[in-house]
PDB file of N, CA and C in Angstrom:
ATOM      1  N   UNK A   1       1.408  -2.432  -4.589  1.00  0.00           N
ATOM      2  CA  UNK A   1       2.845  -2.284  -4.634  1.00  0.00           C
ATOM      3  C   UNK A   1       3.233  -1.101  -5.515  1.00  0.00           C
ATOM      4  N   UNK A   2       2.490  -0.860  -6.597  1.00  0.00           N
ATOM      5  CA  UNK A   2       2.799   0.284  -7.451  1.00  0.00           C
ATOM      6  C   UNK A   2       2.751   1.587  -6.677  1.00  0.00           C
ATOM      7  N   UNK A   3       1.773   1.693  -5.777  1.00  0.00           N
ATOM      8  CA  UNK A   3       1.651   2.904  -4.973  1.00  0.00           C
ATOM      9  C   UNK A   3       2.879   3.111  -4.107  1.00  0.00           C
ATOM     10  N   UNK A   4       3.402   2.034  -3.522  1.00  0.00           N
ATOM     11  CA  UNK A   4       4.581   2.128  -2.662  1.00  0.00           C
ATOM     12  C   UNK A   4       5.769   2.625  -3.468  1.00  0.00           C
ATOM     13  N   UNK A   5       5.996   2.044  -4.638  1.00  0.00           N
ATOM     14  CA  UNK A   5       7.118   2.450  -5.476  1.00  0.00           C
ATOM     15  C   UNK A   5       6.955   3.904  -5.891  1.00  0.00           C
ATOM     16  N   UNK A   6       5.781   4.280  -6.363  1.00  0.00           N
ATOM     17  CA  UNK A   6       5.521   5.646  -6.804  1.00  0.00           C
ATOM     18  C   UNK A   6       5.714   6.631  -5.658  1.00  0.00           C
ATOM     19  N   UNK A   7       5.109   6.344  -4.517  1.00  0.00           N
ATOM     20  CA  UNK A   7       5.213   7.214  -3.362  1.00  0.00           C
ATOM     21  C   UNK A   7       6.659   7.317  -2.884  1.00  0.00           C
ATOM     22  N   UNK A   8       7.364   6.208  -2.877  1.00  0.00           N
ATOM     23  CA  UNK A   8       8.761   6.213  -2.451  1.00  0.00           C
ATOM     24  C   UNK A   8       9.625   7.106  -3.318  1.00  0.00           C
ATOM     25  N   UNK A   9       9.447   7.031  -4.630  1.00  0.00           N
ATOM     26  CA  UNK A   9      10.235   7.858  -5.546  1.00  0.00           C
ATOM     27  C   UNK A   9       9.894   9.330  -5.345  1.00  0.00           C
ATOM     28  N   UNK A  10       8.630   9.659  -5.209  1.00  0.00           N
ATOM     29  CA  UNK A  10       8.219  11.055  -5.038  1.00  0.00           C
ATOM     30  C   UNK A  10       8.761  11.620  -3.726  1.00  0.00           C
ATOM     31  N   UNK A  11       8.580  10.901  -2.629  1.00  0.00           N
ATOM     32  CA  UNK A  11       9.052  11.392  -1.332  1.00  0.00           C
ATOM     33  C   UNK A  11      10.566  11.505  -1.276  1.00  0.00           C
ATOM     34  N   UNK A  12      11.243  10.559  -1.850  1.00  0.00           N
ATOM     35  CA  UNK A  12      12.694  10.562  -1.789  1.00  0.00           C
ATOM     36  C   UNK A  12      13.317  11.629  -2.666  1.00  0.00           C
ATOM     37  N   UNK A  13      12.633  12.049  -3.705  1.00  0.00           N
ATOM     38  CA  UNK A  13      13.178  13.079  -4.594  1.00  0.00           C
ATOM     39  C   UNK A  13      13.510  14.341  -3.814  1.00  0.00           C
ATOM     40  N   UNK A  14      12.622  14.755  -2.974  1.00  0.00           N
ATOM     41  CA  UNK A  14      12.865  15.953  -2.175  1.00  0.00           C
ATOM     42  C   UNK A  14      13.883  15.700  -1.072  1.00  0.00           C
ATOM     43  N   UNK A  15      13.822  14.543  -0.465  1.00  0.00           N
ATOM     44  CA  UNK A  15      14.681  14.249   0.681  1.00  0.00           C
ATOM     45  C   UNK A  15      16.145  14.037   0.320  1.00  0.00           C
ATOM     46  N   UNK A  16      16.425  13.592  -0.888  1.00  0.00           N
ATOM     47  CA  UNK A  16      17.794  13.235  -1.220  1.00  0.00           C
ATOM     48  C   UNK A  16      18.549  14.283  -2.007  1.00  0.00           C
ATOM     49  N   UNK A  17      17.920  15.345  -2.420  1.00  0.00           N
ATOM     50  CA  UNK A  17      18.604  16.345  -3.229  1.00  0.00           C
ATOM     51  C   UNK A  17      19.818  16.911  -2.495  1.00  0.00           C
ATOM     52  N   UNK A  18      19.646  17.370  -1.287  1.00  0.00           N
ATOM     53  CA  UNK A  18      20.763  17.928  -0.526  1.00  0.00           C
ATOM     54  C   UNK A  18      21.719  16.838  -0.061  1.00  0.00           C
ATOM     55  N   UNK A  19      21.197  15.679   0.303  1.00  0.00           N
ATOM     56  CA  UNK A  19      22.039  14.592   0.796  1.00  0.00           C
ATOM     57  C   UNK A  19      22.973  14.054  -0.279  1.00  0.00           C
ATOM     58  N   UNK A  20      22.590  14.146  -1.533  1.00  0.00           N
ATOM     59  CA  UNK A  20      23.410  13.604  -2.619  1.00  0.00           C
ATOM     60  C   UNK A  20      24.772  14.272  -2.702  1.00  0.00           C
ATOM     61  N   UNK A  21      24.875  15.511  -2.252  1.00  0.00           N
ATOM     62  CA  UNK A  21      26.131  16.228  -2.339  1.00  0.00           C
ATOM     63  C   UNK A  21      27.118  15.800  -1.264  1.00  0.00           C
ATOM     64  N   UNK A  22      26.662  15.139  -0.200  1.00  0.00           N
ATOM     65  CA  UNK A  22      27.543  14.787   0.908  1.00  0.00           C
ATOM     66  C   UNK A  22      27.672  13.276   1.108  1.00  0.00           C
ATOM     67  N   UNK A  23      27.266  12.477   0.170  1.00  0.00           N
ATOM     68  CA  UNK A  23      27.292  11.025   0.336  1.00  0.00           C
ATOM     69  C   UNK A  23      28.713  10.472   0.359  1.00  0.00           C
ATOM     70  N   UNK A  24      28.858   9.398   1.126  1.00  0.00           N
ATOM     71  CA  UNK A  24      30.099   8.637   1.124  1.00  0.00           C
ATOM     72  C   UNK A  24      30.028   7.638  -0.018  1.00  0.00           C
ATOM     73  N   UNK A  25      31.158   7.065  -0.410  1.00  0.00           N
ATOM     74  CA  UNK A  25      31.102   6.029  -1.454  1.00  0.00           C
ATOM     75  C   UNK A  25      30.216   4.863  -1.013  1.00  0.00           C
ATOM     76  N   UNK A  26      29.534   4.281  -1.980  1.00  0.00           N
ATOM     77  CA  UNK A  26      28.650   3.157  -1.695  1.00  0.00           C
ATOM     78  C   UNK A  26      29.450   1.872  -1.545  1.00  0.00           C
ATOM     79  N   UNK A  27      28.903   0.906  -0.809  1.00  0.00           N
ATOM     80  CA  UNK A  27      29.549  -0.405  -0.702  1.00  0.00           C
ATOM     81  C   UNK A  27      29.611  -1.071  -2.081  1.00  0.00           C
ATOM     82  N   UNK A  28      30.520  -2.029  -2.267  1.00  0.00           N
ATOM     83  CA  UNK A  28      30.586  -2.741  -3.549  1.00  0.00           C
ATOM     84  C   UNK A  28      29.243  -3.373  -3.896  1.00  0.00           C
ATOM     85  N   UNK A  29      28.863  -3.249  -5.164  1.00  0.00           N
ATOM     86  CA  UNK A  29      27.612  -3.830  -5.632  1.00  0.00           C
ATOM     87  C   UNK A  29      26.403  -2.930  -5.478  1.00  0.00           C
ATOM     88  N   UNK A  30      26.578  -1.751  -4.855  1.00  0.00           N
ATOM     89  CA  UNK A  30      25.482  -0.803  -4.670  1.00  0.00           C
ATOM     90  C   UNK A  30      25.706   0.384  -5.602  1.00  0.00           C
ATOM     91  N   UNK A  31      24.725   0.650  -6.462  1.00  0.00           N
ATOM     92  CA  UNK A  31      24.814   1.763  -7.409  1.00  0.00           C
ATOM     93  C   UNK A  31      24.372   3.061  -6.759  1.00  0.00           C
ATOM     94  N   UNK A  32      23.368   2.993  -5.896  1.00  0.00           N
ATOM     95  CA  UNK A  32      22.862   4.189  -5.240  1.00  0.00           C
ATOM     96  C   UNK A  32      21.917   3.854  -4.117  1.00  0.00           C
ATOM     97  N   UNK A  33      21.619   4.863  -3.314  1.00  0.00           N
ATOM     98  CA  UNK A  33      20.748   4.715  -2.157  1.00  0.00           C
ATOM     99  C   UNK A  33      19.696   5.816  -2.198  1.00  0.00           C
ATOM    100  N   UNK A  34      18.465   5.450  -1.862  1.00  0.00           N
ATOM    101  CA  UNK A  34      17.383   6.427  -1.775  1.00  0.00           C
ATOM    102  C   UNK A  34      16.731   6.290  -0.401  1.00  0.00           C
ATOM    103  N   UNK A  35      16.975   7.241   0.511  1.00  0.00           N
ATOM    104  CA  UNK A  35      16.287   7.198   1.800  1.00  0.00           C
ATOM    105  C   UNK A  35      14.789   7.462   1.602  1.00  0.00           C
ATOM    106  N   UNK A  36      13.957   6.673   2.234  1.00  0.00           N
ATOM    107  CA  UNK A  36      12.507   6.832   2.115  1.00  0.00           C
ATOM    108  C   UNK A  36      11.955   7.517   3.359  1.00  0.00           C
ATOM    109  N   UNK A  37      12.329   7.026   4.534  1.00  0.00           N
ATOM    110  CA  UNK A  37      11.955   7.644   5.804  1.00  0.00           C
ATOM    111  C   UNK A  37      13.012   7.247   6.823  1.00  0.00           C
ATOM    112  N   UNK A  38      12.787   7.546   8.085  1.00  0.00           N
ATOM    113  CA  UNK A  38      13.796   7.276   9.110  1.00  0.00           C
ATOM    114  C   UNK A  38      14.121   5.787   9.254  1.00  0.00           C
ATOM    115  N   UNK A  39      13.215   4.912   8.845  1.00  0.00           N
ATOM    116  CA  UNK A  39      13.441   3.488   9.030  1.00  0.00           C
ATOM    117  C   UNK A  39      13.584   2.674   7.757  1.00  0.00           C
ATOM    118  N   UNK A  40      13.597   3.334   6.585  1.00  0.00           N
ATOM    119  CA  UNK A  40      13.614   2.603   5.319  1.00  0.00           C
ATOM    120  C   UNK A  40      14.485   3.299   4.283  1.00  0.00           C
ATOM    121  N   UNK A  41      15.259   2.505   3.566  1.00  0.00           N
ATOM    122  CA  UNK A  41      15.987   3.019   2.410  1.00  0.00           C
ATOM    123  C   UNK A  41      15.941   1.976   1.301  1.00  0.00           C
ATOM    124  N   UNK A  42      16.023   2.451   0.066  1.00  0.00           N
ATOM    125  CA  UNK A  42      16.130   1.569  -1.088  1.00  0.00           C
ATOM    126  C   UNK A  42      17.577   1.570  -1.525  1.00  0.00           C
ATOM    127  N   UNK A  43      18.186   0.387  -1.635  1.00  0.00           N
ATOM    128  CA  UNK A  43      19.514   0.246  -2.201  1.00  0.00           C
ATOM    129  C   UNK A  43      19.354  -0.290  -3.619  1.00  0.00           C
ATOM    130  N   UNK A  44      19.873   0.440  -4.584  1.00  0.00           N
ATOM    131  CA  UNK A  44      19.810   0.042  -5.984  1.00  0.00           C
ATOM    132  C   UNK A  44      21.070  -0.762  -6.268  1.00  0.00           C
ATOM    133  N   UNK A  45      20.887  -2.064  -6.453  1.00  0.00           N
ATOM    134  CA  UNK A  45      21.998  -3.001  -6.560  1.00  0.00           C
ATOM    135  C   UNK A  45      22.416  -3.234  -8.004  1.00  0.00           C
ATOM    136  N   UNK A  46      23.691  -3.563  -8.167  1.00  0.00           N
ATOM    137  CA  UNK A  46      24.234  -3.860  -9.488  1.00  0.00           C
ATOM    138  C   UNK A  46      24.259  -5.376  -9.704  1.00  0.00           C
ATOM    139  N   UNK A  47      23.087  -5.971  -9.625  1.00  0.00           N
ATOM    140  CA  UNK A  47      22.943  -7.410  -9.884  1.00  0.00           C
ATOM    141  C   UNK A  47      21.527  -7.667 -10.386  1.00  0.00           C
ATOM    142  N   UNK A  48      21.346  -8.724 -11.134  1.00  0.00           N
ATOM    143  CA  UNK A  48      20.017  -9.015 -11.690  1.00  0.00           C
ATOM    144  C   UNK A  48      18.990  -9.286 -10.590  1.00  0.00           C
ATOM    145  N   UNK A  49      17.760  -8.887 -10.858  1.00  0.00           N
ATOM    146  CA  UNK A  49      16.677  -9.166  -9.930  1.00  0.00           C
ATOM    147  C   UNK A  49      16.144 -10.578 -10.145  1.00  0.00           C
ATOM    148  N   UNK A  50      15.472 -11.086  -9.149  1.00  0.00           N
ATOM    149  CA  UNK A  50      14.814 -12.392  -9.255  1.00  0.00           C
ATOM    150  C   UNK A  50      13.298 -12.233  -9.266  1.00  0.00           C
ATOM    151  N   UNK A  51      12.814 -11.002  -9.384  1.00  0.00           N
ATOM    152  CA  UNK A  51      11.386 -10.726  -9.273  1.00  0.00           C
ATOM    153  C   UNK A  51      10.583 -11.343 -10.416  1.00  0.00           C
ATOM    154  N   UNK A  52      11.033 -11.222 -11.650  1.00  0.00           N
ATOM    155  CA  UNK A  52      10.287 -11.746 -12.790  1.00  0.00           C
ATOM    156  C   UNK A  52       9.221 -10.774 -13.270  1.00  0.00           C
ATOM    157  N   UNK A  53       8.348 -11.226 -14.145  1.00  0.00           N
ATOM    158  CA  UNK A  53       7.296 -10.375 -14.697  1.00  0.00           C
ATOM    159  C   UNK A  53       7.883  -9.174 -15.411  1.00  0.00           C
ATOM    160  N   UNK A  54       7.383  -7.983 -15.110  1.00  0.00           N
ATOM    161  CA  UNK A  54       7.873  -6.753 -15.735  1.00  0.00           C
ATOM    162  C   UNK A  54       9.324  -6.457 -15.360  1.00  0.00           C
ATOM    163  N   UNK A  55       9.846  -7.106 -14.341  1.00  0.00           N
ATOM    164  CA  UNK A  55      11.228  -6.884 -13.897  1.00  0.00           C
ATOM    165  C   UNK A  55      12.249  -7.746 -14.638  1.00  0.00           C
ATOM    166  N   UNK A  56      11.801  -8.616 -15.491  1.00  0.00           N
ATOM    167  CA  UNK A  56      12.729  -9.525 -16.169  1.00  0.00           C
ATOM    168  C   UNK A  56      13.819  -8.737 -16.900  1.00  0.00           C
ATOM    169  N   UNK A  57      15.081  -9.045 -16.585  1.00  0.00           N
ATOM    170  CA  UNK A  57      16.223  -8.382 -17.194  1.00  0.00           C
ATOM    171  C   UNK A  57      16.635  -7.093 -16.499  1.00  0.00           C
ATOM    172  N   UNK A  58      15.943  -6.713 -15.436  1.00  0.00           N
ATOM    173  CA  UNK A  58      16.265  -5.490 -14.696  1.00  0.00           C
ATOM    174  C   UNK A  58      17.176  -5.835 -13.514  1.00  0.00           C
ATOM    175  N   UNK A  59      17.525  -4.832 -12.700  1.00  0.00           N
ATOM    176  CA  UNK A  59      18.411  -5.024 -11.550  1.00  0.00           C
ATOM    177  C   UNK A  59      17.612  -4.991 -10.244  1.00  0.00           C
ATOM    178  N   UNK A  60      18.221  -5.545  -9.199  1.00  0.00           N
ATOM    179  CA  UNK A  60      17.566  -5.695  -7.903  1.00  0.00           C
ATOM    180  C   UNK A  60      17.577  -4.414  -7.082  1.00  0.00           C
ATOM    181  N   UNK A  61      16.558  -4.275  -6.245  1.00  0.00           N
ATOM    182  CA  UNK A  61      16.462  -3.216  -5.242  1.00  0.00           C
ATOM    183  C   UNK A  61      16.294  -3.899  -3.894  1.00  0.00           C
ATOM    184  N   UNK A  62      17.082  -3.462  -2.914  1.00  0.00           N
ATOM    185  CA  UNK A  62      16.929  -3.957  -1.551  1.00  0.00           C
ATOM    186  C   UNK A  62      16.194  -2.901  -0.745  1.00  0.00           C
ATOM    187  N   UNK A  63      15.064  -3.281  -0.156  1.00  0.00           N
ATOM    188  CA  UNK A  63      14.293  -2.395   0.716  1.00  0.00           C
ATOM    189  C   UNK A  63      14.653  -2.802   2.134  1.00  0.00           C
ATOM    190  N   UNK A  64      15.282  -1.873   2.889  1.00  0.00           N
ATOM    191  CA  UNK A  64      15.878  -2.272   4.163  1.00  0.00           C
ATOM    192  C   UNK A  64      15.986  -1.115   5.144  1.00  0.00           C
ATOM    193  N   UNK A  65      16.319  -1.439   6.407  1.00  0.00           N
ATOM    194  CA  UNK A  65      16.617  -0.382   7.373  1.00  0.00           C
ATOM    195  C   UNK A  65      17.915   0.316   6.957  1.00  0.00           C
ATOM    196  N   UNK A  66      18.049   1.605   7.226  1.00  0.00           N
ATOM    197  CA  UNK A  66      19.264   2.329   6.850  1.00  0.00           C
ATOM    198  C   UNK A  66      20.532   1.707   7.426  1.00  0.00           C
ATOM    199  N   UNK A  67      21.545   1.609   6.568  1.00  0.00           N
ATOM    200  CA  UNK A  67      22.854   1.129   7.002  1.00  0.00           C
ATOM    201  C   UNK A  67      22.958  -0.346   7.289  1.00  0.00           C
ATOM    202  N   UNK A  68      21.978  -1.147   6.911  1.00  0.00           N
ATOM    203  CA  UNK A  68      22.013  -2.581   7.227  1.00  0.00           C
ATOM    204  C   UNK A  68      22.101  -3.402   5.950  1.00  0.00           C
ATOM    205  N   UNK A  69      23.191  -3.251   5.229  1.00  0.00           N
ATOM    206  CA  UNK A  69      23.408  -3.952   3.971  1.00  0.00           C
ATOM    207  C   UNK A  69      23.208  -5.453   4.156  1.00  0.00           C
ATOM    208  N   UNK A  70      22.394  -6.037   3.296  1.00  0.00           N
ATOM    209  CA  UNK A  70      22.123  -7.462   3.362  1.00  0.00           C
ATOM    210  C   UNK A  70      20.941  -7.830   4.239  1.00  0.00           C
ATOM    211  N   UNK A  71      20.347  -6.851   4.910  1.00  0.00           N
ATOM    212  CA  UNK A  71      19.224  -7.139   5.809  1.00  0.00           C
ATOM    213  C   UNK A  71      17.881  -6.825   5.163  1.00  0.00           C
ATOM    214  N   UNK A  72      17.885  -6.600   3.858  1.00  0.00           N
ATOM    215  CA  UNK A  72      16.661  -6.140   3.206  1.00  0.00           C
ATOM    216  C   UNK A  72      15.920  -7.200   2.425  1.00  0.00           C
ATOM    217  N   UNK A  73      14.814  -6.765   1.849  1.00  0.00           N
ATOM    218  CA  UNK A  73      13.986  -7.582   0.986  1.00  0.00           C
ATOM    219  C   UNK A  73      14.284  -7.204  -0.451  1.00  0.00           C
ATOM    220  N   UNK A  74      14.623  -8.185  -1.284  1.00  0.00           N
ATOM    221  CA  UNK A  74      14.955  -7.898  -2.679  1.00  0.00           C
ATOM    222  C   UNK A  74      13.929  -8.448  -3.654  1.00  0.00           C
ATOM    223  N   UNK A  75      12.876  -9.090  -3.188  1.00  0.00           N
ATOM    224  CA  UNK A  75      11.914  -9.721  -4.071  1.00  0.00           C
ATOM    225  C   UNK A  75      10.675  -8.905  -4.371  1.00  0.00           C
ATOM    226  N   UNK A  76      10.720  -7.582  -4.181  1.00  0.00           N
ATOM    227  CA  UNK A  76       9.519  -6.770  -4.374  1.00  0.00           C
ATOM    228  C   UNK A  76       9.578  -5.836  -5.574  1.00  0.00           C
ATOM    229  N   UNK A  77      10.736  -5.268  -5.848  1.00  0.00           N
ATOM    230  CA  UNK A  77      10.831  -4.308  -6.944  1.00  0.00           C
ATOM    231  C   UNK A  77      12.182  -4.396  -7.642  1.00  0.00           C
ATOM    232  N   UNK A  78      12.288  -3.677  -8.761  1.00  0.00           N
ATOM    233  CA  UNK A  78      13.509  -3.697  -9.558  1.00  0.00           C
ATOM    234  C   UNK A  78      13.725  -2.311 -10.160  1.00  0.00           C
ATOM    235  N   UNK A  79      14.876  -2.133 -10.822  1.00  0.00           N
ATOM    236  CA  UNK A  79      15.195  -0.836 -11.420  1.00  0.00           C
ATOM    237  C   UNK A  79      16.055  -1.030 -12.668  1.00  0.00           C
ATOM    238  N   UNK A  80      16.090   0.027 -13.485  1.00  0.00           N
ATOM    239  CA  UNK A  80      17.039   0.104 -14.587  1.00  0.00           C
ATOM    240  C   UNK A  80      17.195   1.558 -14.980  1.00  0.00           C
ATOM    241  N   UNK A  81      18.285   1.843 -15.683  1.00  0.00           N
ATOM    242  CA  UNK A  81      18.531   3.181 -16.199  1.00  0.00           C
ATOM    243  C   UNK A  81      18.175   3.197 -17.670  1.00  0.00           C
ATOM    244  N   UNK A  82      17.500   4.240 -18.103  1.00  0.00           N
ATOM    245  CA  UNK A  82      17.143   4.411 -19.504  1.00  0.00           C
ATOM    246  C   UNK A  82      17.311   5.881 -19.870  1.00  0.00           C
ATOM    247  N   UNK A  83      18.276   6.165 -20.720  1.00  0.00           N
ATOM    248  CA  UNK A  83      18.538   7.544 -21.159  1.00  0.00           C
ATOM    249  C   UNK A  83      18.716   8.505 -19.990  1.00  0.00           C
ATOM    250  N   UNK A  84      19.488   8.080 -18.985  1.00  0.00           N
ATOM    251  CA  UNK A  84      19.751   8.935 -17.837  1.00  0.00           C
ATOM    252  C   UNK A  84      18.622   9.020 -16.839  1.00  0.00           C
ATOM    253  N   UNK A  85      17.568   8.244 -17.043  1.00  0.00           N
ATOM    254  CA  UNK A  85      16.414   8.244 -16.145  1.00  0.00           C
ATOM    255  C   UNK A  85      16.363   6.961 -15.332  1.00  0.00           C
ATOM    256  N   UNK A  86      15.919   7.067 -14.107  1.00  0.00           N
ATOM    257  CA  UNK A  86      15.726   5.932 -13.218  1.00  0.00           C
ATOM    258  C   UNK A  86      14.311   5.413 -13.406  1.00  0.00           C
ATOM    259  N   UNK A  87      14.191   4.158 -13.812  1.00  0.00           N
ATOM    260  CA  UNK A  87      12.893   3.506 -13.940  1.00  0.00           C
ATOM    261  C   UNK A  87      12.783   2.445 -12.853  1.00  0.00           C
ATOM    262  N   UNK A  88      11.623   2.335 -12.226  1.00  0.00           N
ATOM    263  CA  UNK A  88      11.376   1.302 -11.229  1.00  0.00           C
ATOM    264  C   UNK A  88      10.153   0.496 -11.645  1.00  0.00           C
ATOM    265  N   UNK A  89      10.085  -0.728 -11.148  1.00  0.00           N
ATOM    266  CA  UNK A  89       8.965  -1.609 -11.491  1.00  0.00           C
ATOM    267  C   UNK A  89       8.770  -2.649 -10.407  1.00  0.00           C
ATOM    268  N   UNK A  90       7.632  -3.309 -10.493  1.00  0.00           N
ATOM    269  CA  UNK A  90       7.360  -4.519  -9.730  1.00  0.00           C
ATOM    270  C   UNK A  90       7.039  -5.591 -10.767  1.00  0.00           C
ATOM    271  N   UNK A  91       6.809  -6.793 -10.326  1.00  0.00           N
ATOM    272  CA  UNK A  91       6.456  -7.856 -11.267  1.00  0.00           C
ATOM    273  C   UNK A  91       5.206  -7.498 -12.056  1.00  0.00           C
ATOM    274  N   UNK A  92       4.312  -6.716 -11.439  1.00  0.00           N
ATOM    275  CA  UNK A  92       3.042  -6.359 -12.072  1.00  0.00           C
ATOM    276  C   UNK A  92       3.176  -5.314 -13.170  1.00  0.00           C
ATOM    277  N   UNK A  93       4.205  -4.473 -13.115  1.00  0.00           N
ATOM    278  CA  UNK A  93       4.345  -3.453 -14.150  1.00  0.00           C
ATOM    279  C   UNK A  93       5.323  -2.358 -13.787  1.00  0.00           C
ATOM    280  N   UNK A  94       5.630  -1.535 -14.769  1.00  0.00           N
ATOM    281  CA  UNK A  94       6.576  -0.437 -14.623  1.00  0.00           C
ATOM    282  C   UNK A  94       5.860   0.783 -14.054  1.00  0.00           C
ATOM    283  N   UNK A  95       6.490   1.459 -13.111  1.00  0.00           N
ATOM    284  CA  UNK A  95       5.920   2.669 -12.530  1.00  0.00           C
ATOM    285  C   UNK A  95       5.881   3.776 -13.576  1.00  0.00           C
ATOM    286  N   UNK A  96       4.812   4.561 -13.612  1.00  0.00           N
ATOM    287  CA  UNK A  96       4.764   5.680 -14.556  1.00  0.00           C
ATOM    288  C   UNK A  96       5.706   6.810 -14.155  1.00  0.00           C
ATOM    289  N   UNK A  97       6.181   6.792 -12.922  1.00  0.00           N
ATOM    290  CA  UNK A  97       7.088   7.827 -12.408  1.00  0.00           C
ATOM    291  C   UNK A  97       8.516   7.544 -12.864  1.00  0.00           C
ATOM    292  N   UNK A  98       9.192   8.535 -13.433  1.00  0.00           N
ATOM    293  CA  UNK A  98      10.614   8.424 -13.729  1.00  0.00           C
ATOM    294  C   UNK A  98      11.313   9.569 -13.019  1.00  0.00           C
ATOM    295  N   UNK A  99      12.584   9.383 -12.726  1.00  0.00           N
ATOM    296  CA  UNK A  99      13.379  10.392 -12.041  1.00  0.00           C
ATOM    297  C   UNK A  99      14.780  10.369 -12.636  1.00  0.00           C
ATOM    298  N   UNK A 100      15.533  11.449 -12.514  1.00  0.00           N
ATOM    299  CA  UNK A 100      16.896  11.432 -13.011  1.00  0.00           C
ATOM    300  C   UNK A 100      17.761  10.471 -12.178  1.00  0.00           C
ATOM    301  N   UNK A 101      18.734   9.845 -12.816  1.00  0.00           N
ATOM    302  CA  UNK A 101      19.626   8.923 -12.119  1.00  0.00           C
ATOM    303  C   UNK A 101      20.386   9.611 -10.993  1.00  0.00           C
ATOM    304  N   UNK A 102      20.588  10.915 -11.094  1.00  0.00           N
ATOM    305  CA  UNK A 102      21.291  11.646 -10.039  1.00  0.00           C
ATOM    306  C   UNK A 102      20.579  11.532  -8.691  1.00  0.00           C
ATOM    307  N   UNK A 103      19.326  11.144  -8.709  1.00  0.00           N
ATOM    308  CA  UNK A 103      18.563  10.980  -7.487  1.00  0.00           C
ATOM    309  C   UNK A 103      19.195   9.941  -6.569  1.00  0.00           C
ATOM    310  N   UNK A 104      19.842   8.932  -7.143  1.00  0.00           N
ATOM    311  CA  UNK A 104      20.428   7.861  -6.317  1.00  0.00           C
ATOM    312  C   UNK A 104      21.944   7.860  -6.337  1.00  0.00           C
ATOM    313  N   UNK A 105      22.563   8.746  -7.018  1.00  0.00           N
ATOM    314  CA  UNK A 105      24.031   8.735  -7.076  1.00  0.00           C
ATOM    315  C   UNK A 105      24.634   9.742  -6.162  1.00  0.00           C
TER     316      UNK A 105
END
């Protein structure tokens, strides 16, 4: 799972730079969106995660098809902001990869 989170953040960093300038407002409860590929996006939610482990006290991430709010999986990873940086984790541990929060806003 760590590989998926790490790879997702790395791939999305390049893909979302230009898209961030043209985004529409997010739905209520969504802090940001990170497109991963044509069939997957991460929605960074403004609610506590239920993952546990290293995610305890962090916020939920929905991994889902693009544009299908509520159709995703929220029990795999979590996120939080720390000093303007986006941190992601799974129950097993925190990803060593950090990115600026602007990546999802």
